[in-house]
């Protein structure tokens, strides 16, 4: 069911999805009409996309959501965190996708989650592919929905976190490509590519670092809304984030090495050019002296004879040859 609504930062299309699991294990999927009911013994997942002020106030009144958490849901600029309120847990996480296939162009998805005793509420501005996959699975699999609200929340956040791994694979391929290009040839585009990939890694690191701390708390704090079984699963999400974080750090190191190799190659190329220019200057310097000396504008010179003129021509030929042989012997030419 889709409703149109307004939001503080513009107009959005409100998409409300609800899944309810009865005591008999029956799964019912629907929209707004199910979200208004609070039947005892029913496990419920309410997913809100493109939230509006009116819709969040209605959910606040229906489920006793804390006003501060509702206020956070109306401004999607929160860092990853977990807040413990009397009626519920409030969780903010982030995920990344790469629709274009270019890891330098990523999209950040912010997801707000409420965990009540038998209800999970997820709020987000735009569609999140990983969340849609979990919803479709919940519609088909009765056992998947009947494991409890804490396990349903785990399935949601685990899918969002694991969606980062394909992006890391794209980053690894891009890093290998940059390293090969830097070692094979020099191009200014390589430097641009290095910095765009580095910006991606910094963004992911800055976002996922506090998110890892959030799941460390969820796996240890012993909240009554999270069972011991679910805490083990949240610890697994923490392990996934630790792997992602280590992968990001490794990528930053590789990019640093690629940047050092690029700058070193540029420096070596500049030194090689300067060396060749210096050799050419050294060769032509004595030739300039000979030409200038024998080209003096005097009427009579004591050595004004044919043999001396031939000597001057011979010097002009011999000097560059001898100097090139000398430089070659000193291994100043080529890659000796």
C-alpha atoms as a PDB file:
ATOM      1  CA  UNK A   1       0.000   0.000   0.000  1.00  0.00           C
ATOM      2  CA  UNK A   2       1.399   3.404  -0.926  1.00  0.00           C
ATOM      3  CA  UNK A   3       0.390   6.732   0.534  1.00  0.00           C
ATOM      4  CA  UNK A   4       1.655  10.173  -0.411  1.00  0.00           C
ATOM      5  CA  UNK A   5       3.093  12.309   2.342  1.00  0.00           C
ATOM      6  CA  UNK A   6       5.279  15.330   3.025  1.00  0.00           C
ATOM      7  CA  UNK A   7       8.542  15.450   4.881  1.00  0.00           C
ATOM      8  CA  UNK A   8      10.714  18.139   6.351  1.00  0.00           C
ATOM      9  CA  UNK A   9      13.222  17.980   3.486  1.00  0.00           C
ATOM     10  CA  UNK A  10      10.804  17.764   0.577  1.00  0.00           C
ATOM     11  CA  UNK A  11       8.118  15.487  -0.802  1.00  0.00           C
ATOM     12  CA  UNK A  12       8.466  11.716  -0.535  1.00  0.00           C
ATOM     13  CA  UNK A  13       6.342   8.764  -1.429  1.00  0.00           C
ATOM     14  CA  UNK A  14       5.364   6.904   1.711  1.00  0.00           C
ATOM     15  CA  UNK A  15       5.636   3.122   1.398  1.00  0.00           C
ATOM     16  CA  UNK A  16       4.309   1.175   4.400  1.00  0.00           C
ATOM     17  CA  UNK A  17       4.849  -2.577   4.533  1.00  0.00           C
ATOM     18  CA  UNK A  18       3.781  -4.836   7.385  1.00  0.00           C
ATOM     19  CA  UNK A  19       4.353  -8.519   8.069  1.00  0.00           C
ATOM     20  CA  UNK A  20       2.489 -10.199  10.923  1.00  0.00           C
ATOM     21  CA  UNK A  21       3.041 -13.696  12.280  1.00  0.00           C
ATOM     22  CA  UNK A  22       0.188 -15.160  14.330  1.00  0.00           C
ATOM     23  CA  UNK A  23       0.544 -17.671  17.138  1.00  0.00           C
ATOM     24  CA  UNK A  24      -0.300 -20.438  14.657  1.00  0.00           C
ATOM     25  CA  UNK A  25       2.671 -19.424  12.508  1.00  0.00           C
ATOM     26  CA  UNK A  26       0.636 -17.860   9.748  1.00  0.00           C
ATOM     27  CA  UNK A  27       2.313 -14.993   7.910  1.00  0.00           C
ATOM     28  CA  UNK A  28       0.153 -12.105   6.744  1.00  0.00           C
ATOM     29  CA  UNK A  29       1.626  -9.288   4.652  1.00  0.00           C
ATOM     30  CA  UNK A  30      -0.201  -6.052   4.146  1.00  0.00           C
ATOM     31  CA  UNK A  31      -0.078  -2.337   4.614  1.00  0.00           C
ATOM     32  CA  UNK A  32      -1.662   0.421   6.635  1.00  0.00           C
ATOM     33  CA  UNK A  33      -4.630  -1.565   7.914  1.00  0.00           C
ATOM     34  CA  UNK A  34      -2.378  -4.071   9.695  1.00  0.00           C
ATOM     35  CA  UNK A  35      -0.158  -1.423  11.215  1.00  0.00           C
ATOM     36  CA  UNK A  36      -3.105  -0.031  13.158  1.00  0.00           C
ATOM     37  CA  UNK A  37      -3.749  -3.284  15.037  1.00  0.00           C
ATOM     38  CA  UNK A  38      -1.861  -4.475  18.089  1.00  0.00           C
ATOM     39  CA  UNK A  39      -3.141  -7.990  18.614  1.00  0.00           C
ATOM     40  CA  UNK A  40      -1.661  -9.911  21.525  1.00  0.00           C
ATOM     41  CA  UNK A  41       0.662 -12.752  20.600  1.00  0.00           C
ATOM     42  CA  UNK A  42       1.366 -11.389  17.124  1.00  0.00           C
ATOM     43  CA  UNK A  43       4.910 -10.814  15.921  1.00  0.00           C
ATOM     44  CA  UNK A  44       5.024  -7.784  13.660  1.00  0.00           C
ATOM     45  CA  UNK A  45       7.542  -6.130  11.328  1.00  0.00           C
ATOM     46  CA  UNK A  46       6.600  -2.653  10.100  1.00  0.00           C
ATOM     47  CA  UNK A  47       8.758  -1.159   7.384  1.00  0.00           C
ATOM     48  CA  UNK A  48       8.361   2.555   6.613  1.00  0.00           C
ATOM     49  CA  UNK A  49       9.995   4.138   3.582  1.00  0.00           C
ATOM     50  CA  UNK A  50       9.769   7.869   2.872  1.00  0.00           C
ATOM     51  CA  UNK A  51       8.458   8.574   6.362  1.00  0.00           C
ATOM     52  CA  UNK A  52       6.255  11.573   7.080  1.00  0.00           C
ATOM     53  CA  UNK A  53       5.710  13.534  10.272  1.00  0.00           C
ATOM     54  CA  UNK A  54       2.118  12.349  10.464  1.00  0.00           C
ATOM     55  CA  UNK A  55       3.065   8.704  10.012  1.00  0.00           C
ATOM     56  CA  UNK A  56       5.834   8.819  12.619  1.00  0.00           C
ATOM     57  CA  UNK A  57       3.502  10.520  15.117  1.00  0.00           C
ATOM     58  CA  UNK A  58       0.920   7.802  14.519  1.00  0.00           C
ATOM     59  CA  UNK A  59       3.486   5.064  15.127  1.00  0.00           C
ATOM     60  CA  UNK A  60       4.666   6.918  18.219  1.00  0.00           C
ATOM     61  CA  UNK A  61       1.149   6.946  19.641  1.00  0.00           C
ATOM     62  CA  UNK A  62       0.397   3.350  18.653  1.00  0.00           C
ATOM     63  CA  UNK A  63       3.608   1.747  19.937  1.00  0.00           C
ATOM     64  CA  UNK A  64       4.822   4.199  22.593  1.00  0.00           C
ATOM     65  CA  UNK A  65       7.934   5.263  20.693  1.00  0.00           C
ATOM     66  CA  UNK A  66      10.100   7.804  22.455  1.00  0.00           C
ATOM     67  CA  UNK A  67       9.779  11.359  21.034  1.00  0.00           C
ATOM     68  CA  UNK A  68      13.572  11.743  20.749  1.00  0.00           C
ATOM     69  CA  UNK A  69      13.825   8.603  18.636  1.00  0.00           C
ATOM     70  CA  UNK A  70      10.926   9.760  16.458  1.00  0.00           C
ATOM     71  CA  UNK A  71      12.650  13.118  16.017  1.00  0.00           C
ATOM     72  CA  UNK A  72      15.814  11.328  14.864  1.00  0.00           C
ATOM     73  CA  UNK A  73      13.764   9.462  12.262  1.00  0.00           C
ATOM     74  CA  UNK A  74      12.710  12.767  10.706  1.00  0.00           C
ATOM     75  CA  UNK A  75      16.297  13.928  10.097  1.00  0.00           C
ATOM     76  CA  UNK A  76      18.474  11.328   8.429  1.00  0.00           C
ATOM     77  CA  UNK A  77      21.905  12.593   9.403  1.00  0.00           C
ATOM     78  CA  UNK A  78      22.560  10.385  12.437  1.00  0.00           C
ATOM     79  CA  UNK A  79      25.726   8.487  13.162  1.00  0.00           C
ATOM     80  CA  UNK A  80      25.460   4.766  14.036  1.00  0.00           C
ATOM     81  CA  UNK A  81      24.228   4.380  17.596  1.00  0.00           C
ATOM     82  CA  UNK A  82      22.007   2.376  19.933  1.00  0.00           C
ATOM     83  CA  UNK A  83      19.765   4.038  22.527  1.00  0.00           C
ATOM     84  CA  UNK A  84      17.930   2.204  25.283  1.00  0.00           C
ATOM     85  CA  UNK A  85      14.463   3.633  25.985  1.00  0.00           C
ATOM     86  CA  UNK A  86      11.920   2.210  28.465  1.00  0.00           C
ATOM     87  CA  UNK A  87       9.637   0.834  25.753  1.00  0.00           C
ATOM     88  CA  UNK A  88      12.131  -0.095  23.063  1.00  0.00           C
ATOM     89  CA  UNK A  89      15.668  -0.112  21.710  1.00  0.00           C
ATOM     90  CA  UNK A  90      16.484   2.432  19.033  1.00  0.00           C
ATOM     91  CA  UNK A  91      19.210   1.496  16.563  1.00  0.00           C
ATOM     92  CA  UNK A  92      20.796   3.495  13.738  1.00  0.00           C
ATOM     93  CA  UNK A  93      23.008   1.741  11.198  1.00  0.00           C
ATOM     94  CA  UNK A  94      24.376   2.534   7.752  1.00  0.00           C
ATOM     95  CA  UNK A  95      24.943   0.461   4.659  1.00  0.00           C
ATOM     96  CA  UNK A  96      26.561   1.061   1.290  1.00  0.00           C
ATOM     97  CA  UNK A  97      25.604   0.113  -2.243  1.00  0.00           C
ATOM     98  CA  UNK A  98      27.219   0.728  -5.604  1.00  0.00           C
ATOM     99  CA  UNK A  99      24.524   0.815  -8.309  1.00  0.00           C
ATOM    100  CA  UNK A 100      26.892   2.079 -11.017  1.00  0.00           C
ATOM    101  CA  UNK A 101      29.501  -0.635 -10.429  1.00  0.00           C
ATOM    102  CA  UNK A 102      32.164   2.025  -9.838  1.00  0.00           C
ATOM    103  CA  UNK A 103      33.380   1.874  -6.213  1.00  0.00           C
ATOM    104  CA  UNK A 104      34.209   5.571  -6.289  1.00  0.00           C
ATOM    105  CA  UNK A 105      30.454   6.281  -6.656  1.00  0.00           C
ATOM    106  CA  UNK A 106      28.758   4.752  -3.639  1.00  0.00           C
ATOM    107  CA  UNK A 107      25.406   5.413  -2.009  1.00  0.00           C
ATOM    108  CA  UNK A 108      24.968   5.536   1.770  1.00  0.00           C
ATOM    109  CA  UNK A 109      21.763   4.107   3.221  1.00  0.00           C
ATOM    110  CA  UNK A 110      20.735   5.078   6.724  1.00  0.00           C
ATOM    111  CA  UNK A 111      18.392   2.703   8.517  1.00  0.00           C
ATOM    112  CA  UNK A 112      16.606   3.392  11.802  1.00  0.00           C
ATOM    113  CA  UNK A 113      15.263   0.404  13.757  1.00  0.00           C
ATOM    114  CA  UNK A 114      12.942   0.103  16.747  1.00  0.00           C
ATOM    115  CA  UNK A 115      12.968  -3.141  18.704  1.00  0.00           C
ATOM    116  CA  UNK A 116       9.962  -3.715  20.932  1.00  0.00           C
ATOM    117  CA  UNK A 117       8.926  -6.884  22.719  1.00  0.00           C
ATOM    118  CA  UNK A 118       7.179  -8.410  19.700  1.00  0.00           C
ATOM    119  CA  UNK A 119       7.532  -5.698  17.101  1.00  0.00           C
ATOM    120  CA  UNK A 120      10.286  -4.455  14.821  1.00  0.00           C
ATOM    121  CA  UNK A 121       9.906  -1.098  13.076  1.00  0.00           C
ATOM    122  CA  UNK A 122      12.359  -0.068  10.363  1.00  0.00           C
ATOM    123  CA  UNK A 123      12.443   3.450   8.922  1.00  0.00           C
ATOM    124  CA  UNK A 124      14.423   4.631   5.893  1.00  0.00           C
ATOM    125  CA  UNK A 125      14.193   7.338   3.257  1.00  0.00           C
ATOM    126  CA  UNK A 126      15.015   5.335   0.132  1.00  0.00           C
ATOM    127  CA  UNK A 127      14.730   1.733  -0.942  1.00  0.00           C
ATOM    128  CA  UNK A 128      17.499  -0.499   0.459  1.00  0.00           C
ATOM    129  CA  UNK A 129      18.065  -3.583  -1.727  1.00  0.00           C
ATOM    130  CA  UNK A 130      19.264  -5.763   1.162  1.00  0.00           C
ATOM    131  CA  UNK A 131      16.181  -4.864   3.202  1.00  0.00           C
ATOM    132  CA  UNK A 132      13.898  -5.696   0.283  1.00  0.00           C
ATOM    133  CA  UNK A 133      15.519  -9.136   0.032  1.00  0.00           C
ATOM    134  CA  UNK A 134      14.839  -9.815   3.704  1.00  0.00           C
ATOM    135  CA  UNK A 135      11.230  -8.686   3.336  1.00  0.00           C
ATOM    136  CA  UNK A 136      10.620 -11.016   0.392  1.00  0.00           C
ATOM    137  CA  UNK A 137      12.137 -13.891   2.348  1.00  0.00           C
ATOM    138  CA  UNK A 138       9.947 -13.093   5.349  1.00  0.00           C
ATOM    139  CA  UNK A 139       6.861 -13.177   3.143  1.00  0.00           C
ATOM    140  CA  UNK A 140       7.669 -16.710   1.965  1.00  0.00           C
ATOM    141  CA  UNK A 141       9.260 -18.341   5.021  1.00  0.00           C
ATOM    142  CA  UNK A 142       6.997 -18.843   8.071  1.00  0.00           C
ATOM    143  CA  UNK A 143       9.803 -20.237  10.240  1.00  0.00           C
ATOM    144  CA  UNK A 144      11.964 -17.243   9.418  1.00  0.00           C
ATOM    145  CA  UNK A 145       9.369 -14.883  10.872  1.00  0.00           C
ATOM    146  CA  UNK A 146       8.496 -16.936  13.940  1.00  0.00           C
ATOM    147  CA  UNK A 147      11.929 -16.805  15.590  1.00  0.00           C
ATOM    148  CA  UNK A 148      11.207 -13.637  17.539  1.00  0.00           C
ATOM    149  CA  UNK A 149      11.515  -9.885  17.103  1.00  0.00           C
ATOM    150  CA  UNK A 150      15.196  -9.851  18.112  1.00  0.00           C
ATOM    151  CA  UNK A 151      16.095 -12.462  15.490  1.00  0.00           C
ATOM    152  CA  UNK A 152      14.068 -10.602  12.883  1.00  0.00           C
ATOM    153  CA  UNK A 153      16.031  -7.464  13.706  1.00  0.00           C
ATOM    154  CA  UNK A 154      19.235  -9.464  13.379  1.00  0.00           C
ATOM    155  CA  UNK A 155      18.201 -10.656   9.925  1.00  0.00           C
ATOM    156  CA  UNK A 156      17.627  -7.057   8.838  1.00  0.00           C
ATOM    157  CA  UNK A 157      20.889  -5.606  10.130  1.00  0.00           C
ATOM    158  CA  UNK A 158      22.890  -8.664   9.046  1.00  0.00           C
ATOM    159  CA  UNK A 159      21.637  -8.266   5.474  1.00  0.00           C
ATOM    160  CA  UNK A 160      22.511  -4.548   5.455  1.00  0.00           C
ATOM    161  CA  UNK A 161      26.012  -5.223   6.814  1.00  0.00           C
ATOM    162  CA  UNK A 162      26.715  -8.162   4.487  1.00  0.00           C
ATOM    163  CA  UNK A 163      25.733  -6.010   1.499  1.00  0.00           C
ATOM    164  CA  UNK A 164      29.072  -4.240   2.030  1.00  0.00           C
ATOM    165  CA  UNK A 165      31.073  -7.302   0.950  1.00  0.00           C
ATOM    166  CA  UNK A 166      30.283  -7.018  -2.793  1.00  0.00           C
ATOM    167  CA  UNK A 167      31.408  -3.396  -2.600  1.00  0.00           C
ATOM    168  CA  UNK A 168      34.672  -4.512  -0.996  1.00  0.00           C
ATOM    169  CA  UNK A 169      35.192  -6.933  -3.891  1.00  0.00           C
ATOM    170  CA  UNK A 170      34.755  -4.050  -6.341  1.00  0.00           C
ATOM    171  CA  UNK A 171      37.232  -1.994  -4.323  1.00  0.00           C
ATOM    172  CA  UNK A 172      39.766  -4.839  -4.385  1.00  0.00           C
ATOM    173  CA  UNK A 173      39.501  -5.110  -8.174  1.00  0.00           C
ATOM    174  CA  UNK A 174      39.860  -1.333  -8.516  1.00  0.00           C
ATOM    175  CA  UNK A 175      42.932  -1.320  -6.252  1.00  0.00           C
ATOM    176  CA  UNK A 176      44.599  -4.088  -8.282  1.00  0.00           C
ATOM    177  CA  UNK A 177      43.874  -2.177 -11.477  1.00  0.00           C
ATOM    178  CA  UNK A 178      45.338   1.043 -10.077  1.00  0.00           C
ATOM    179  CA  UNK A 179      48.505  -0.738  -8.931  1.00  0.00           C
ATOM    180  CA  UNK A 180      49.004  -2.296 -12.362  1.00  0.00           C
ATOM    181  CA  UNK A 181      48.480   1.010 -14.156  1.00  0.00           C
ATOM    182  CA  UNK A 182      50.844   2.893 -11.861  1.00  0.00           C
ATOM    183  CA  UNK A 183      53.610   0.336 -12.421  1.00  0.00           C
ATOM    184  CA  UNK A 184      52.975   0.064 -16.175  1.00  0.00           C
ATOM    185  CA  UNK A 185      52.685   3.722 -17.124  1.00  0.00           C
ATOM    186  CA  UNK A 186      52.208   7.172 -15.688  1.00  0.00           C
ATOM    187  CA  UNK A 187      48.980   9.083 -16.175  1.00  0.00           C
ATOM    188  CA  UNK A 188      47.419  11.969 -14.307  1.00  0.00           C
ATOM    189  CA  UNK A 189      44.140  10.034 -14.307  1.00  0.00           C
ATOM    190  CA  UNK A 190      45.787   7.434 -12.053  1.00  0.00           C
ATOM    191  CA  UNK A 191      46.336  10.067  -9.384  1.00  0.00           C
ATOM    192  CA  UNK A 192      42.686  11.142  -9.627  1.00  0.00           C
ATOM    193  CA  UNK A 193      41.590   7.518  -9.357  1.00  0.00           C
ATOM    194  CA  UNK A 194      43.733   6.965  -6.262  1.00  0.00           C
ATOM    195  CA  UNK A 195      42.202   9.917  -4.432  1.00  0.00           C
ATOM    196  CA  UNK A 196      38.606   9.028  -5.370  1.00  0.00           C
ATOM    197  CA  UNK A 197      39.069   5.476  -4.088  1.00  0.00           C
ATOM    198  CA  UNK A 198      40.748   6.812  -0.970  1.00  0.00           C
ATOM    199  CA  UNK A 199      37.745   9.078  -0.368  1.00  0.00           C
ATOM    200  CA  UNK A 200      35.457   6.040  -0.627  1.00  0.00           C
ATOM    201  CA  UNK A 201      37.498   4.094   1.910  1.00  0.00           C
ATOM    202  CA  UNK A 202      37.631   7.046   4.303  1.00  0.00           C
ATOM    203  CA  UNK A 203      33.844   7.451   4.082  1.00  0.00           C
ATOM    204  CA  UNK A 204      33.272   3.767   4.796  1.00  0.00           C
ATOM    205  CA  UNK A 205      35.777   3.743   7.631  1.00  0.00           C
ATOM    206  CA  UNK A 206      34.302   6.844   9.265  1.00  0.00           C
ATOM    207  CA  UNK A 207      30.807   5.346   9.070  1.00  0.00           C
ATOM    208  CA  UNK A 208      31.479   1.721  10.003  1.00  0.00           C
ATOM    209  CA  UNK A 209      33.831   2.434  12.901  1.00  0.00           C
ATOM    210  CA  UNK A 210      31.066   3.552  15.319  1.00  0.00           C
ATOM    211  CA  UNK A 211      28.732   0.929  13.842  1.00  0.00           C
ATOM    212  CA  UNK A 212      31.106  -1.793  14.966  1.00  0.00           C
ATOM    213  CA  UNK A 213      30.913  -0.418  18.516  1.00  0.00           C
ATOM    214  CA  UNK A 214      27.114  -0.515  18.325  1.00  0.00           C
ATOM    215  CA  UNK A 215      27.053  -4.249  17.655  1.00  0.00           C
ATOM    216  CA  UNK A 216      29.679  -4.851  20.303  1.00  0.00           C
ATOM    217  CA  UNK A 217      27.220  -3.335  22.780  1.00  0.00           C
ATOM    218  CA  UNK A 218      24.276  -5.319  21.450  1.00  0.00           C
ATOM    219  CA  UNK A 219      26.172  -8.592  21.843  1.00  0.00           C
ATOM    220  CA  UNK A 220      27.241  -7.888  25.443  1.00  0.00           C
ATOM    221  CA  UNK A 221      24.754  -5.617  27.185  1.00  0.00           C
ATOM    222  CA  UNK A 222      22.197  -8.292  28.158  1.00  0.00           C
ATOM    223  CA  UNK A 223      19.108  -6.288  27.266  1.00  0.00           C
ATOM    224  CA  UNK A 224      15.871  -8.182  28.101  1.00  0.00           C
ATOM    225  CA  UNK A 225      14.563  -7.559  24.568  1.00  0.00           C
ATOM    226  CA  UNK A 226      17.567  -9.429  23.130  1.00  0.00           C
ATOM    227  CA  UNK A 227      17.816 -13.092  24.064  1.00  0.00           C
ATOM    228  CA  UNK A 228      21.123 -14.868  24.641  1.00  0.00           C
ATOM    229  CA  UNK A 229      20.657 -16.700  21.359  1.00  0.00           C
ATOM    230  CA  UNK A 230      20.145 -13.426  19.462  1.00  0.00           C
ATOM    231  CA  UNK A 231      23.163 -11.885  21.223  1.00  0.00           C
ATOM    232  CA  UNK A 232      25.361 -14.594  19.677  1.00  0.00           C
ATOM    233  CA  UNK A 233      24.018 -13.691  16.243  1.00  0.00           C
ATOM    234  CA  UNK A 234      24.658  -9.997  16.851  1.00  0.00           C
ATOM    235  CA  UNK A 235      28.222 -10.945  17.792  1.00  0.00           C
ATOM    236  CA  UNK A 236      28.510 -12.546  14.370  1.00  0.00           C
ATOM    237  CA  UNK A 237      27.475  -9.224  12.804  1.00  0.00           C
ATOM    238  CA  UNK A 238      30.193  -7.576  14.894  1.00  0.00           C
ATOM    239  CA  UNK A 239      32.709 -10.065  13.469  1.00  0.00           C
ATOM    240  CA  UNK A 240      31.578  -9.209   9.939  1.00  0.00           C
ATOM    241  CA  UNK A 241      32.071  -5.517  10.617  1.00  0.00           C
ATOM    242  CA  UNK A 242      35.527  -6.212  12.041  1.00  0.00           C
ATOM    243  CA  UNK A 243      36.444  -8.047   8.823  1.00  0.00           C
ATOM    244  CA  UNK A 244      35.115  -5.173   6.739  1.00  0.00           C
ATOM    245  CA  UNK A 245      37.023  -2.666   8.862  1.00  0.00           C
ATOM    246  CA  UNK A 246      40.261  -4.642   8.462  1.00  0.00           C
ATOM    247  CA  UNK A 247      39.660  -4.884   4.726  1.00  0.00           C
ATOM    248  CA  UNK A 248      39.207  -1.111   4.559  1.00  0.00           C
ATOM    249  CA  UNK A 249      42.446  -0.523   6.463  1.00  0.00           C
ATOM    250  CA  UNK A 250      44.263  -2.883   4.116  1.00  0.00           C
ATOM    251  CA  UNK A 251      42.834  -1.017   1.132  1.00  0.00           C
ATOM    252  CA  UNK A 252      43.997   2.308   2.570  1.00  0.00           C
ATOM    253  CA  UNK A 253      47.502   0.889   2.974  1.00  0.00           C
ATOM    254  CA  UNK A 254      47.498  -0.392  -0.602  1.00  0.00           C
ATOM    255  CA  UNK A 255      46.331   2.982  -1.879  1.00  0.00           C
ATOM    256  CA  UNK A 256      49.081   4.657   0.151  1.00  0.00           C
ATOM    257  CA  UNK A 257      51.628   2.332  -1.466  1.00  0.00           C
ATOM    258  CA  UNK A 258      50.173   3.042  -4.914  1.00  0.00           C
ATOM    259  CA  UNK A 259      50.395   6.783  -4.258  1.00  0.00           C
ATOM    260  CA  UNK A 260      54.006   6.448  -3.105  1.00  0.00           C
ATOM    261  CA  UNK A 261      54.816   4.403  -6.214  1.00  0.00           C
ATOM    262  CA  UNK A 262      53.161   7.032  -8.424  1.00  0.00           C
ATOM    263  CA  UNK A 263      55.057   9.913  -6.821  1.00  0.00           C
ATOM    264  CA  UNK A 264      58.297   7.922  -6.948  1.00  0.00           C
ATOM    265  CA  UNK A 265      57.778   7.181 -10.640  1.00  0.00           C
ATOM    266  CA  UNK A 266      57.083  10.844 -11.341  1.00  0.00           C
ATOM    267  CA  UNK A 267      60.231  11.826  -9.434  1.00  0.00           C
ATOM    268  CA  UNK A 268      62.339   9.235 -11.267  1.00  0.00           C
ATOM    269  CA  UNK A 269      60.972  10.373 -14.596  1.00  0.00           C
ATOM    270  CA  UNK A 270      61.764  13.996 -13.765  1.00  0.00           C
ATOM    271  CA  UNK A 271      65.283  13.042 -12.678  1.00  0.00           C
ATOM    272  CA  UNK A 272      65.810  11.100 -15.898  1.00  0.00           C
ATOM    273  CA  UNK A 273      64.715  14.069 -17.995  1.00  0.00           C
ATOM    274  CA  UNK A 274      66.969  16.430 -16.061  1.00  0.00           C
ATOM    275  CA  UNK A 275      69.889  14.022 -16.422  1.00  0.00           C
ATOM    276  CA  UNK A 276      69.502  13.904 -20.195  1.00  0.00           C
ATOM    277  CA  UNK A 277      69.196  17.667 -20.445  1.00  0.00           C
ATOM    278  CA  UNK A 278      72.318  18.040 -18.317  1.00  0.00           C
ATOM    279  CA  UNK A 279      74.249  15.622 -20.556  1.00  0.00           C
ATOM    280  CA  UNK A 280      73.206  17.558 -23.657  1.00  0.00           C
ATOM    281  CA  UNK A 281      74.283  20.807 -22.003  1.00  0.00           C
ATOM    282  CA  UNK A 282      77.629  19.262 -21.027  1.00  0.00           C
ATOM    283  CA  UNK A 283      78.221  18.097 -24.595  1.00  0.00           C
ATOM    284  CA  UNK A 284      77.417  21.442 -26.203  1.00  0.00           C
ATOM    285  CA  UNK A 285      79.275  23.571 -23.658  1.00  0.00           C
ATOM    286  CA  UNK A 286      82.835  22.859 -24.991  1.00  0.00           C
ATOM    287  CA  UNK A 287      81.526  22.996 -28.563  1.00  0.00           C
ATOM    288  CA  UNK A 288      80.203  26.472 -27.856  1.00  0.00           C
ATOM    289  CA  UNK A 289      83.593  27.466 -26.481  1.00  0.00           C
ATOM    290  CA  UNK A 290      85.378  26.214 -29.618  1.00  0.00           C
ATOM    291  CA  UNK A 291      82.965  27.948 -31.973  1.00  0.00           C
ATOM    292  CA  UNK A 292      83.163  31.179 -30.003  1.00  0.00           C
ATOM    293  CA  UNK A 293      86.930  31.128 -29.748  1.00  0.00           C
ATOM    294  CA  UNK A 294      87.595  30.494 -33.428  1.00  0.00           C
ATOM    295  CA  UNK A 295      84.829  32.787 -34.520  1.00  0.00           C
ATOM    296  CA  UNK A 296      86.380  35.924 -33.051  1.00  0.00           C
ATOM    297  CA  UNK A 297      85.829  38.949 -35.234  1.00  0.00           C
ATOM    298  CA  UNK A 298      89.475  39.968 -35.810  1.00  0.00           C
ATOM    299  CA  UNK A 299      91.130  40.796 -39.116  1.00  0.00           C
ATOM    300  CA  UNK A 300      94.398  38.958 -38.460  1.00  0.00           C
ATOM    301  CA  UNK A 301      94.972  36.105 -36.067  1.00  0.00           C
ATOM    302  CA  UNK A 302      98.344  34.406 -35.492  1.00  0.00           C
ATOM    303  CA  UNK A 303      96.789  31.008 -36.232  1.00  0.00           C
ATOM    304  CA  UNK A 304      94.786  32.136 -39.224  1.00  0.00           C
ATOM    305  CA  UNK A 305      95.765  29.203 -41.416  1.00  0.00           C
ATOM    306  CA  UNK A 306      94.006  26.326 -43.130  1.00  0.00           C
ATOM    307  CA  UNK A 307      95.340  23.614 -40.813  1.00  0.00           C
ATOM    308  CA  UNK A 308      94.075  25.495 -37.818  1.00  0.00           C
ATOM    309  CA  UNK A 309      90.633  25.851 -39.340  1.00  0.00           C
ATOM    310  CA  UNK A 310      90.579  22.133 -40.020  1.00  0.00           C
ATOM    311  CA  UNK A 311      91.607  21.541 -36.405  1.00  0.00           C
ATOM    312  CA  UNK A 312      88.645  23.555 -35.213  1.00  0.00           C
ATOM    313  CA  UNK A 313      86.290  21.480 -37.346  1.00  0.00           C
ATOM    314  CA  UNK A 314      87.902  18.312 -36.031  1.00  0.00           C
ATOM    315  CA  UNK A 315      87.382  19.435 -32.456  1.00  0.00           C
ATOM    316  CA  UNK A 316      83.719  20.102 -33.136  1.00  0.00           C
ATOM    317  CA  UNK A 317      83.378  16.498 -34.298  1.00  0.00           C
ATOM    318  CA  UNK A 318      85.654  14.833 -31.767  1.00  0.00           C
ATOM    319  CA  UNK A 319      84.435  16.553 -28.593  1.00  0.00           C
ATOM    320  CA  UNK A 320      80.832  15.210 -28.654  1.00  0.00           C
ATOM    321  CA  UNK A 321      82.031  11.719 -29.634  1.00  0.00           C
ATOM    322  CA  UNK A 322      84.589  11.582 -26.824  1.00  0.00           C
ATOM    323  CA  UNK A 323      82.161  12.963 -24.254  1.00  0.00           C
ATOM    324  CA  UNK A 324      79.452  10.464 -25.208  1.00  0.00           C
ATOM    325  CA  UNK A 325      82.006   7.630 -24.862  1.00  0.00           C
ATOM    326  CA  UNK A 326      83.079   9.013 -21.518  1.00  0.00           C
ATOM    327  CA  UNK A 327      79.491   9.296 -20.226  1.00  0.00           C
ATOM    328  CA  UNK A 328      78.801   5.771 -21.424  1.00  0.00           C
ATOM    329  CA  UNK A 329      81.837   4.483 -19.554  1.00  0.00           C
ATOM    330  CA  UNK A 330      80.609   6.246 -16.407  1.00  0.00           C
ATOM    331  CA  UNK A 331      77.196   4.562 -16.917  1.00  0.00           C
ATOM    332  CA  UNK A 332      75.402   7.876 -17.137  1.00  0.00           C
ATOM    333  CA  UNK A 333      73.588   6.902 -20.340  1.00  0.00           C
ATOM    334  CA  UNK A 334      70.715   4.462 -20.616  1.00  0.00           C
ATOM    335  CA  UNK A 335      69.724   1.994 -17.883  1.00  0.00           C
ATOM    336  CA  UNK A 336      73.201   0.750 -17.001  1.00  0.00           C
END
